[in-house]
Amino acid sequence: MGKAKRQQKPAVRQVISGMERLGLRVSSMINHPTAQHQRWVTIHRLDTDGDQEWEEVMGLLSETDDLEMTFNDDESVTLRWEARSDEDRVLEVVDLDDVVEPAPF
């Protein structure tokens, strides 16, 4: 008895724009634990980064408060920031009605 062959649907590949790709790369670099610990990161411009996308992302970063940008000779950009003070930290508020009590066992 032969096995019934299932027709596999072709995988749908989602294409992201150059702006989205660059934004994700920059965000990933900034949020990396090493960058967060040292509070700086250097972002290198890749050959695949278009002029318009690069300028737009750099413009968005330049509008960010407490972020120092240094444009390097090799077209990279070094971002530096200060650690947030306890007053600036975002606190998560928990509604006590939503807290579930642990099981008694």
PDB file of N, CA and C in Angstrom:
ATOM      1  N   MET A   1       0.833  -1.166   0.000  1.00  0.00           N
ATOM      2  CA  MET A   1       0.000   0.000   0.000  1.00  0.00           C
ATOM      3  C   MET A   1       0.886   1.240   0.000  1.00  0.00           C
ATOM      4  N   GLY A   2       0.643   2.095  -0.916  1.00  0.00           N
ATOM      5  CA  GLY A   2       1.440   3.308  -1.039  1.00  0.00           C
ATOM      6  C   GLY A   2       0.945   4.399  -0.108  1.00  0.00           C
ATOM      7  N   LYS A   3       1.847   5.200   0.317  1.00  0.00           N
ATOM      8  CA  LYS A   3       1.468   6.326   1.164  1.00  0.00           C
ATOM      9  C   LYS A   3       0.855   7.415   0.302  1.00  0.00           C
ATOM     10  N   ALA A   4      -0.156   8.005   0.815  1.00  0.00           N
ATOM     11  CA  ALA A   4      -0.763   9.128   0.103  1.00  0.00           C
ATOM     12  C   ALA A   4       0.175  10.320   0.247  1.00  0.00           C
ATOM     13  N   LYS A   5       0.506  10.913  -0.861  1.00  0.00           N
ATOM     14  CA  LYS A   5       1.401  12.068  -0.836  1.00  0.00           C
ATOM     15  C   LYS A   5       0.587  13.319  -0.573  1.00  0.00           C
ATOM     16  N   ARG A   6       1.064  14.042   0.358  1.00  0.00           N
ATOM     17  CA  ARG A   6       0.421  15.333   0.632  1.00  0.00           C
ATOM     18  C   ARG A   6       1.082  16.385  -0.237  1.00  0.00           C
ATOM     19  N   GLN A   7       0.241  17.209  -0.772  1.00  0.00           N
ATOM     20  CA  GLN A   7       0.819  18.329  -1.515  1.00  0.00           C
ATOM     21  C   GLN A   7       1.184  19.398  -0.518  1.00  0.00           C
ATOM     22  N   GLN A   8       2.423  19.767  -0.562  1.00  0.00           N
ATOM     23  CA  GLN A   8       2.870  20.813   0.338  1.00  0.00           C
ATOM     24  C   GLN A   8       2.639  22.155  -0.325  1.00  0.00           C
ATOM     25  N   LYS A   9       2.131  23.040   0.475  1.00  0.00           N
ATOM     26  CA  LYS A   9       1.942  24.397  -0.025  1.00  0.00           C
ATOM     27  C   LYS A   9       3.308  25.057  -0.086  1.00  0.00           C
ATOM     28  N   PRO A  10       3.554  25.772  -1.152  1.00  0.00           N
ATOM     29  CA  PRO A  10       4.844  26.467  -1.212  1.00  0.00           C
ATOM     30  C   PRO A  10       4.936  27.491  -0.076  1.00  0.00           C
ATOM     31  N   ALA A  11       6.097  27.547   0.520  1.00  0.00           N
ATOM     32  CA  ALA A  11       6.303  28.491   1.618  1.00  0.00           C
ATOM     33  C   ALA A  11       6.184  29.911   1.095  1.00  0.00           C
ATOM     34  N   VAL A  12       5.460  30.706   1.836  1.00  0.00           N
ATOM     35  CA  VAL A  12       5.314  32.111   1.465  1.00  0.00           C
ATOM     36  C   VAL A  12       6.431  32.880   2.147  1.00  0.00           C
ATOM     37  N   ARG A  13       7.249  33.456   1.360  1.00  0.00           N
ATOM     38  CA  ARG A  13       8.386  34.204   1.885  1.00  0.00           C
ATOM     39  C   ARG A  13       7.998  35.664   1.994  1.00  0.00           C
ATOM     40  N   GLN A  14       8.115  36.183   3.197  1.00  0.00           N
ATOM     41  CA  GLN A  14       7.781  37.576   3.404  1.00  0.00           C
ATOM     42  C   GLN A  14       9.008  38.422   3.104  1.00  0.00           C
ATOM     43  N   VAL A  15       8.815  39.405   2.288  1.00  0.00           N
ATOM     44  CA  VAL A  15       9.904  40.296   1.917  1.00  0.00           C
ATOM     45  C   VAL A  15       9.776  41.567   2.748  1.00  0.00           C
ATOM     46  N   ILE A  16      10.885  41.943   3.370  1.00  0.00           N
ATOM     47  CA  ILE A  16      10.861  43.186   4.132  1.00  0.00           C
ATOM     48  C   ILE A  16      11.634  44.239   3.360  1.00  0.00           C
ATOM     49  N   SER A  17      11.253  45.457   3.580  1.00  0.00           N
ATOM     50  CA  SER A  17      11.890  46.551   2.857  1.00  0.00           C
ATOM     51  C   SER A  17      13.289  46.806   3.412  1.00  0.00           C
ATOM     52  N   GLY A  18      14.074  47.544   2.666  1.00  0.00           N
ATOM     53  CA  GLY A  18      15.414  47.909   3.106  1.00  0.00           C
ATOM     54  C   GLY A  18      15.381  48.707   4.394  1.00  0.00           C
ATOM     55  N   MET A  19      14.368  49.552   4.536  1.00  0.00           N
ATOM     56  CA  MET A  19      14.212  50.360   5.747  1.00  0.00           C
ATOM     57  C   MET A  19      13.932  49.459   6.949  1.00  0.00           C
ATOM     58  N   GLU A  20      13.049  48.487   6.773  1.00  0.00           N
ATOM     59  CA  GLU A  20      12.732  47.569   7.866  1.00  0.00           C
ATOM     60  C   GLU A  20      13.951  46.735   8.247  1.00  0.00           C
ATOM     61  N   ARG A  21      14.675  46.255   7.251  1.00  0.00           N
ATOM     62  CA  ARG A  21      15.858  45.431   7.498  1.00  0.00           C
ATOM     63  C   ARG A  21      16.912  46.223   8.263  1.00  0.00           C
ATOM     64  N   LEU A  22      17.176  47.452   7.830  1.00  0.00           N
ATOM     65  CA  LEU A  22      18.158  48.297   8.508  1.00  0.00           C
ATOM     66  C   LEU A  22      17.687  48.639   9.919  1.00  0.00           C
ATOM     67  N   GLY A  23      16.413  48.959  10.060  1.00  0.00           N
ATOM     68  CA  GLY A  23      15.870  49.271  11.384  1.00  0.00           C
ATOM     69  C   GLY A  23      15.996  48.108  12.347  1.00  0.00           C
ATOM     70  N   LEU A  24      15.719  46.904  11.867  1.00  0.00           N
ATOM     71  CA  LEU A  24      15.854  45.714  12.711  1.00  0.00           C
ATOM     72  C   LEU A  24      17.304  45.470  13.092  1.00  0.00           C
ATOM     73  N   ARG A  25      18.209  45.673  12.147  1.00  0.00           N
ATOM     74  CA  ARG A  25      19.634  45.456  12.425  1.00  0.00           C
ATOM     75  C   ARG A  25      20.141  46.455  13.470  1.00  0.00           C
ATOM     76  N   VAL A  26      19.779  47.722  13.297  1.00  0.00           N
ATOM     77  CA  VAL A  26      20.216  48.760  14.240  1.00  0.00           C
ATOM     78  C   VAL A  26      19.606  48.507  15.615  1.00  0.00           C
ATOM     79  N   SER A  27      18.330  48.183  15.652  1.00  0.00           N
ATOM     80  CA  SER A  27      17.657  47.907  16.922  1.00  0.00           C
ATOM     81  C   SER A  27      18.304  46.724  17.636  1.00  0.00           C
ATOM     82  N   SER A  28      18.617  45.691  16.890  1.00  0.00           N
ATOM     83  CA  SER A  28      19.261  44.512  17.463  1.00  0.00           C
ATOM     84  C   SER A  28      20.624  44.859  18.037  1.00  0.00           C
ATOM     85  N   MET A  29      21.368  45.693  17.332  1.00  0.00           N
ATOM     86  CA  MET A  29      22.696  46.078  17.804  1.00  0.00           C
ATOM     87  C   MET A  29      22.601  46.917  19.078  1.00  0.00           C
ATOM     88  N   ILE A  30      21.655  47.849  19.121  1.00  0.00           N
ATOM     89  CA  ILE A  30      21.488  48.711  20.293  1.00  0.00           C
ATOM     90  C   ILE A  30      21.032  47.892  21.494  1.00  0.00           C
ATOM     91  N   ASN A  31      20.141  46.932  21.277  1.00  0.00           N
ATOM     92  CA  ASN A  31      19.581  46.149  22.374  1.00  0.00           C
ATOM     93  C   ASN A  31      20.439  44.958  22.782  1.00  0.00           C
ATOM     94  N   HIS A  32      21.550  44.735  22.111  1.00  0.00           N
ATOM     95  CA  HIS A  32      22.429  43.621  22.458  1.00  0.00           C
ATOM     96  C   HIS A  32      22.957  43.827  23.884  1.00  0.00           C
ATOM     97  N   PRO A  33      23.035  42.748  24.675  1.00  0.00           N
ATOM     98  CA  PRO A  33      23.495  42.888  26.066  1.00  0.00           C
ATOM     99  C   PRO A  33      24.851  43.570  26.211  1.00  0.00           C
ATOM    100  N   THR A  34      25.788  43.313  25.311  1.00  0.00           N
ATOM    101  CA  THR A  34      27.098  43.961  25.401  1.00  0.00           C
ATOM    102  C   THR A  34      26.966  45.464  25.200  1.00  0.00           C
ATOM    103  N   ALA A  35      26.191  45.864  24.202  1.00  0.00           N
ATOM    104  CA  ALA A  35      25.993  47.297  23.954  1.00  0.00           C
ATOM    105  C   ALA A  35      25.279  47.950  25.134  1.00  0.00           C
ATOM    106  N   GLN A  36      24.307  47.261  25.712  1.00  0.00           N
ATOM    107  CA  GLN A  36      23.595  47.818  26.858  1.00  0.00           C
ATOM    108  C   GLN A  36      24.522  47.958  28.060  1.00  0.00           C
ATOM    109  N   HIS A  37      25.431  47.021  28.235  1.00  0.00           N
ATOM    110  CA  HIS A  37      26.369  47.088  29.353  1.00  0.00           C
ATOM    111  C   HIS A  37      27.367  48.238  29.171  1.00  0.00           C
ATOM    112  N   GLN A  38      27.934  48.359  27.971  1.00  0.00           N
ATOM    113  CA  GLN A  38      28.949  49.392  27.743  1.00  0.00           C
ATOM    114  C   GLN A  38      28.332  50.736  27.365  1.00  0.00           C
ATOM    115  N   ARG A  39      27.048  50.739  27.028  1.00  0.00           N
ATOM    116  CA  ARG A  39      26.272  51.937  26.669  1.00  0.00           C
ATOM    117  C   ARG A  39      26.820  52.650  25.432  1.00  0.00           C
ATOM    118  N   TRP A  40      27.308  51.868  24.477  1.00  0.00           N
ATOM    119  CA  TRP A  40      27.684  52.412  23.170  1.00  0.00           C
ATOM    120  C   TRP A  40      27.719  51.276  22.163  1.00  0.00           C
ATOM    121  N   VAL A  41      27.557  51.647  20.902  1.00  0.00           N
ATOM    122  CA  VAL A  41      27.618  50.677  19.812  1.00  0.00           C
ATOM    123  C   VAL A  41      28.023  51.412  18.546  1.00  0.00           C
ATOM    124  N   THR A  42      28.785  50.743  17.691  1.00  0.00           N
ATOM    125  CA  THR A  42      29.146  51.309  16.396  1.00  0.00           C
ATOM    126  C   THR A  42      28.374  50.566  15.312  1.00  0.00           C
ATOM    127  N   ILE A  43      27.658  51.310  14.520  1.00  0.00           N
ATOM    128  CA  ILE A  43      26.859  50.747  13.438  1.00  0.00           C
ATOM    129  C   ILE A  43      27.593  51.008  12.132  1.00  0.00           C
ATOM    130  N   HIS A  44      27.927  49.940  11.443  1.00  0.00           N
ATOM    131  CA  HIS A  44      28.624  50.055  10.165  1.00  0.00           C
ATOM    132  C   HIS A  44      27.599  50.034   9.039  1.00  0.00           C
ATOM    133  N   ARG A  45      27.806  50.875   8.081  1.00  0.00           N
ATOM    134  CA  ARG A  45      26.923  50.901   6.920  1.00  0.00           C
ATOM    135  C   ARG A  45      27.340  49.781   5.970  1.00  0.00           C
ATOM    136  N   LEU A  46      26.369  48.952   5.598  1.00  0.00           N
ATOM    137  CA  LEU A  46      26.632  47.847   4.683  1.00  0.00           C
ATOM    138  C   LEU A  46      26.392  48.288   3.247  1.00  0.00           C
ATOM    139  N   ASP A  47      26.951  47.544   2.304  1.00  0.00           N
ATOM    140  CA  ASP A  47      26.733  47.841   0.886  1.00  0.00           C
ATOM    141  C   ASP A  47      25.259  47.748   0.514  1.00  0.00           C
ATOM    142  N   THR A  48      24.508  46.935   1.245  1.00  0.00           N
ATOM    143  CA  THR A  48      23.083  46.754   0.944  1.00  0.00           C
ATOM    144  C   THR A  48      22.204  47.845   1.537  1.00  0.00           C
ATOM    145  N   ASP A  49      22.778  48.728   2.351  1.00  0.00           N
ATOM    146  CA  ASP A  49      22.014  49.834   2.940  1.00  0.00           C
ATOM    147  C   ASP A  49      21.917  50.980   1.943  1.00  0.00           C
ATOM    148  N   GLY A  50      20.711  51.239   1.488  1.00  0.00           N
ATOM    149  CA  GLY A  50      20.501  52.324   0.537  1.00  0.00           C
ATOM    150  C   GLY A  50      20.693  53.690   1.175  1.00  0.00           C
ATOM    151  N   ASP A  51      20.994  54.686   0.341  1.00  0.00           N
ATOM    152  CA  ASP A  51      21.204  56.046   0.844  1.00  0.00           C
ATOM    153  C   ASP A  51      19.974  56.562   1.585  1.00  0.00           C
ATOM    154  N   GLN A  52      18.810  56.391   0.982  1.00  0.00           N
ATOM    155  CA  GLN A  52      17.572  56.913   1.573  1.00  0.00           C
ATOM    156  C   GLN A  52      17.284  56.238   2.915  1.00  0.00           C
ATOM    157  N   GLU A  53      17.432  54.923   2.966  1.00  0.00           N
ATOM    158  CA  GLU A  53      17.168  54.189   4.203  1.00  0.00           C
ATOM    159  C   GLU A  53      18.149  54.596   5.307  1.00  0.00           C
ATOM    160  N   TRP A  54      19.421  54.700   4.942  1.00  0.00           N
ATOM    161  CA  TRP A  54      20.452  55.081   5.913  1.00  0.00           C
ATOM    162  C   TRP A  54      20.159  56.471   6.478  1.00  0.00           C
ATOM    163  N   GLU A  55      19.862  57.413   5.590  1.00  0.00           N
ATOM    164  CA  GLU A  55      19.582  58.784   6.036  1.00  0.00           C
ATOM    165  C   GLU A  55      18.341  58.828   6.929  1.00  0.00           C
ATOM    166  N   GLU A  56      17.327  58.060   6.590  1.00  0.00           N
ATOM    167  CA  GLU A  56      16.099  58.059   7.382  1.00  0.00           C
ATOM    168  C   GLU A  56      16.330  57.484   8.783  1.00  0.00           C
ATOM    169  N   VAL A  57      17.042  56.376   8.866  1.00  0.00           N
ATOM    170  CA  VAL A  57      17.325  55.776  10.174  1.00  0.00           C
ATOM    171  C   VAL A  57      18.227  56.689  11.001  1.00  0.00           C
ATOM    172  N   MET A  58      19.234  57.291  10.377  1.00  0.00           N
ATOM    173  CA  MET A  58      20.108  58.210  11.107  1.00  0.00           C
ATOM    174  C   MET A  58      19.319  59.432  11.580  1.00  0.00           C
ATOM    175  N   GLY A  59      18.378  59.882  10.768  1.00  0.00           N
ATOM    176  CA  GLY A  59      17.523  61.002  11.166  1.00  0.00           C
ATOM    177  C   GLY A  59      16.670  60.653  12.368  1.00  0.00           C
ATOM    178  N   LEU A  60      16.112  59.460  12.371  1.00  0.00           N
ATOM    179  CA  LEU A  60      15.308  59.024  13.515  1.00  0.00           C
ATOM    180  C   LEU A  60      16.160  58.919  14.778  1.00  0.00           C
ATOM    181  N   LEU A  61      17.362  58.387  14.628  1.00  0.00           N
ATOM    182  CA  LEU A  61      18.253  58.284  15.788  1.00  0.00           C
ATOM    183  C   LEU A  61      18.657  59.660  16.310  1.00  0.00           C
ATOM    184  N   SER A  62      18.868  60.609  15.403  1.00  0.00           N
ATOM    185  CA  SER A  62      19.294  61.953  15.833  1.00  0.00           C
ATOM    186  C   SER A  62      18.199  62.673  16.609  1.00  0.00           C
ATOM    187  N   GLU A  63      16.950  62.259  16.430  1.00  0.00           N
ATOM    188  CA  GLU A  63      15.830  62.866  17.153  1.00  0.00           C
ATOM    189  C   GLU A  63      15.625  62.247  18.534  1.00  0.00           C
ATOM    190  N   THR A  64      16.371  61.192  18.828  1.00  0.00           N
ATOM    191  CA  THR A  64      16.218  60.494  20.103  1.00  0.00           C
ATOM    192  C   THR A  64      16.943  61.255  21.201  1.00  0.00           C
ATOM    193  N   ASP A  65      16.206  61.564  22.275  1.00  0.00           N
ATOM    194  CA  ASP A  65      16.796  62.268  23.409  1.00  0.00           C
ATOM    195  C   ASP A  65      17.875  61.421  24.063  1.00  0.00           C
ATOM    196  N   ASP A  66      18.881  62.083  24.602  1.00  0.00           N
ATOM    197  CA  ASP A  66      19.960  61.441  25.368  1.00  0.00           C
ATOM    198  C   ASP A  66      20.767  60.435  24.567  1.00  0.00           C
ATOM    199  N   LEU A  67      20.829  60.612  23.256  1.00  0.00           N
ATOM    200  CA  LEU A  67      21.615  59.731  22.400  1.00  0.00           C
ATOM    201  C   LEU A  67      22.651  60.582  21.670  1.00  0.00           C
ATOM    202  N   GLU A  68      23.915  60.288  21.885  1.00  0.00           N
ATOM    203  CA  GLU A  68      25.003  61.024  21.237  1.00  0.00           C
ATOM    204  C   GLU A  68      25.452  60.241  20.015  1.00  0.00           C
ATOM    205  N   MET A  69      25.516  60.911  18.874  1.00  0.00           N
ATOM    206  CA  MET A  69      25.914  60.267  17.623  1.00  0.00           C
ATOM    207  C   MET A  69      27.243  60.836  17.164  1.00  0.00           C
ATOM    208  N   THR A  70      28.175  59.958  16.809  1.00  0.00           N
ATOM    209  CA  THR A  70      29.454  60.366  16.247  1.00  0.00           C
ATOM    210  C   THR A  70      29.584  59.718  14.880  1.00  0.00           C
ATOM    211  N   PHE A  71      29.687  60.545  13.834  1.00  0.00           N
ATOM    212  CA  PHE A  71      29.843  60.033  12.476  1.00  0.00           C
ATOM    213  C   PHE A  71      31.333  59.840  12.215  1.00  0.00           C
ATOM    214  N   ASN A  72      31.717  58.611  11.979  1.00  0.00           N
ATOM    215  CA  ASN A  72      33.123  58.247  11.799  1.00  0.00           C
ATOM    216  C   ASN A  72      33.536  58.373  10.333  1.00  0.00           C
ATOM    217  N   ASP A  73      34.849  58.417  10.088  1.00  0.00           N
ATOM    218  CA  ASP A  73      35.389  58.571   8.737  1.00  0.00           C
ATOM    219  C   ASP A  73      35.043  57.412   7.810  1.00  0.00           C
ATOM    220  N   ASP A  74      34.840  56.227   8.375  1.00  0.00           N
ATOM    221  CA  ASP A  74      34.552  55.050   7.550  1.00  0.00           C
ATOM    222  C   ASP A  74      33.050  54.865   7.284  1.00  0.00           C
ATOM    223  N   GLU A  75      32.270  55.912   7.461  1.00  0.00           N
ATOM    224  CA  GLU A  75      30.809  55.939   7.266  1.00  0.00           C
ATOM    225  C   GLU A  75      30.047  55.168   8.334  1.00  0.00           C
ATOM    226  N   SER A  76      30.727  54.737   9.395  1.00  0.00           N
ATOM    227  CA  SER A  76      30.023  54.117  10.508  1.00  0.00           C
ATOM    228  C   SER A  76      29.555  55.221  11.452  1.00  0.00           C
ATOM    229  N   VAL A  77      28.672  54.864  12.352  1.00  0.00           N
ATOM    230  CA  VAL A  77      28.150  55.815  13.336  1.00  0.00           C
ATOM    231  C   VAL A  77      28.260  55.162  14.703  1.00  0.00           C
ATOM    232  N   THR A  78      28.839  55.885  15.647  1.00  0.00           N
ATOM    233  CA  THR A  78      28.924  55.392  17.016  1.00  0.00           C
ATOM    234  C   THR A  78      27.855  56.095  17.839  1.00  0.00           C
ATOM    235  N   LEU A  79      27.041  55.292  18.506  1.00  0.00           N
ATOM    236  CA  LEU A  79      25.979  55.810  19.364  1.00  0.00           C
ATOM    237  C   LEU A  79      26.389  55.601  20.809  1.00  0.00           C
ATOM    238  N   ARG A  80      26.194  56.616  21.622  1.00  0.00           N
ATOM    239  CA  ARG A  80      26.487  56.531  23.055  1.00  0.00           C
ATOM    240  C   ARG A  80      25.290  57.071  23.824  1.00  0.00           C
ATOM    241  N   TRP A  81      25.047  56.470  24.989  1.00  0.00           N
ATOM    242  CA  TRP A  81      23.945  56.927  25.826  1.00  0.00           C
ATOM    243  C   TRP A  81      24.315  56.699  27.279  1.00  0.00           C
ATOM    244  N   GLU A  82      23.640  57.429  28.135  1.00  0.00           N
ATOM    245  CA  GLU A  82      23.860  57.305  29.575  1.00  0.00           C
ATOM    246  C   GLU A  82      22.856  56.308  30.136  1.00  0.00           C
ATOM    247  N   ALA A  83      23.236  55.689  31.239  1.00  0.00           N
ATOM    248  CA  ALA A  83      22.312  54.778  31.918  1.00  0.00           C
ATOM    249  C   ALA A  83      21.155  55.605  32.459  1.00  0.00           C
ATOM    250  N   ARG A  84      19.991  55.038  32.385  1.00  0.00           N
ATOM    251  CA  ARG A  84      18.828  55.733  32.925  1.00  0.00           C
ATOM    252  C   ARG A  84      18.915  55.763  34.450  1.00  0.00           C
ATOM    253  N   SER A  85      18.487  56.881  35.011  1.00  0.00           N
ATOM    254  CA  SER A  85      18.436  56.954  36.469  1.00  0.00           C
ATOM    255  C   SER A  85      17.178  56.219  36.933  1.00  0.00           C
ATOM    256  N   ASP A  86      17.112  55.955  38.209  1.00  0.00           N
ATOM    257  CA  ASP A  86      15.939  55.256  38.736  1.00  0.00           C
ATOM    258  C   ASP A  86      14.662  56.049  38.493  1.00  0.00           C
ATOM    259  N   GLU A  87      14.777  57.378  38.446  1.00  0.00           N
ATOM    260  CA  GLU A  87      13.605  58.216  38.202  1.00  0.00           C
ATOM    261  C   GLU A  87      13.108  58.089  36.772  1.00  0.00           C
ATOM    262  N   ASP A  88      14.009  57.799  35.827  1.00  0.00           N
ATOM    263  CA  ASP A  88      13.646  57.708  34.420  1.00  0.00           C
ATOM    264  C   ASP A  88      13.158  56.324  34.010  1.00  0.00           C
ATOM    265  N   ARG A  89      13.387  55.328  34.840  1.00  0.00           N
ATOM    266  CA  ARG A  89      13.037  53.960  34.463  1.00  0.00           C
ATOM    267  C   ARG A  89      11.523  53.800  34.363  1.00  0.00           C
ATOM    268  N   VAL A  90      11.123  52.997  33.412  1.00  0.00           N
ATOM    269  CA  VAL A  90       9.712  52.707  33.226  1.00  0.00           C
ATOM    270  C   VAL A  90       9.339  51.583  34.174  1.00  0.00           C
ATOM    271  N   LEU A  91       8.313  51.820  34.955  1.00  0.00           N
ATOM    272  CA  LEU A  91       7.865  50.815  35.901  1.00  0.00           C
ATOM    273  C   LEU A  91       6.617  50.137  35.367  1.00  0.00           C
ATOM    274  N   GLU A  92       6.537  48.847  35.581  1.00  0.00           N
ATOM    275  CA  GLU A  92       5.361  48.100  35.171  1.00  0.00           C
ATOM    276  C   GLU A  92       4.398  48.075  36.341  1.00  0.00           C
ATOM    277  N   VAL A  93       3.176  48.529  36.103  1.00  0.00           N
ATOM    278  CA  VAL A  93       2.161  48.546  37.142  1.00  0.00           C
ATOM    279  C   VAL A  93       1.321  47.289  36.998  1.00  0.00           C
ATOM    280  N   VAL A  94       1.176  46.565  38.095  1.00  0.00           N
ATOM    281  CA  VAL A  94       0.409  45.328  38.082  1.00  0.00           C
ATOM    282  C   VAL A  94      -0.876  45.558  38.847  1.00  0.00           C
ATOM    283  N   ASP A  95      -1.987  45.218  38.215  1.00  0.00           N
ATOM    284  CA  ASP A  95      -3.279  45.305  38.873  1.00  0.00           C
ATOM    285  C   ASP A  95      -3.397  44.105  39.800  1.00  0.00           C
ATOM    286  N   LEU A  96      -3.571  44.346  41.090  1.00  0.00           N
ATOM    287  CA  LEU A  96      -3.607  43.261  42.059  1.00  0.00           C
ATOM    288  C   LEU A  96      -4.779  42.317  41.824  1.00  0.00           C
ATOM    289  N   ASP A  97      -5.832  42.779  41.162  1.00  0.00           N
ATOM    290  CA  ASP A  97      -6.963  41.911  40.858  1.00  0.00           C
ATOM    291  C   ASP A  97      -6.581  40.855  39.834  1.00  0.00           C
ATOM    292  N   ASP A  98      -5.532  41.122  39.038  1.00  0.00           N
ATOM    293  CA  ASP A  98      -5.106  40.191  38.004  1.00  0.00           C
ATOM    294  C   ASP A  98      -4.073  39.182  38.497  1.00  0.00           C
ATOM    295  N   VAL A  99      -3.600  39.345  39.732  1.00  0.00           N
ATOM    296  CA  VAL A  99      -2.575  38.454  40.255  1.00  0.00           C
ATOM    297  C   VAL A  99      -3.239  37.130  40.641  1.00  0.00           C
ATOM    298  N   VAL A 100      -2.694  36.070  40.160  1.00  0.00           N
ATOM    299  CA  VAL A 100      -3.218  34.739  40.457  1.00  0.00           C
ATOM    300  C   VAL A 100      -2.422  34.167  41.615  1.00  0.00           C
ATOM    301  N   GLU A 101      -3.129  33.643  42.589  1.00  0.00           N
ATOM    302  CA  GLU A 101      -2.434  33.052  43.740  1.00  0.00           C
ATOM    303  C   GLU A 101      -1.807  31.730  43.337  1.00  0.00           C
ATOM    304  N   PRO A 102      -0.621  31.421  43.866  1.00  0.00           N
ATOM    305  CA  PRO A 102       0.018  30.147  43.533  1.00  0.00           C
ATOM    306  C   PRO A 102      -0.776  28.976  44.095  1.00  0.00           C
ATOM    307  N   ALA A 103      -0.626  27.847  43.461  1.00  0.00           N
ATOM    308  CA  ALA A 103      -1.308  26.637  43.928  1.00  0.00           C
ATOM    309  C   ALA A 103      -0.790  26.273  45.309  1.00  0.00           C
ATOM    310  N   PRO A 104      -1.658  25.726  46.190  1.00  0.00           N
ATOM    311  CA  PRO A 104      -1.239  25.433  47.568  1.00  0.00           C
ATOM    312  C   PRO A 104      -0.339  24.208  47.675  1.00  0.00           C
ATOM    313  N   PHE A 105      -0.065  23.498  46.608  1.00  0.00           N
ATOM    314  CA  PHE A 105       0.774  22.302  46.704  1.00  0.00           C
ATOM    315  C   PHE A 105       2.128  22.522  46.148  1.00  0.00           C
TER     316      PHE A 105
END
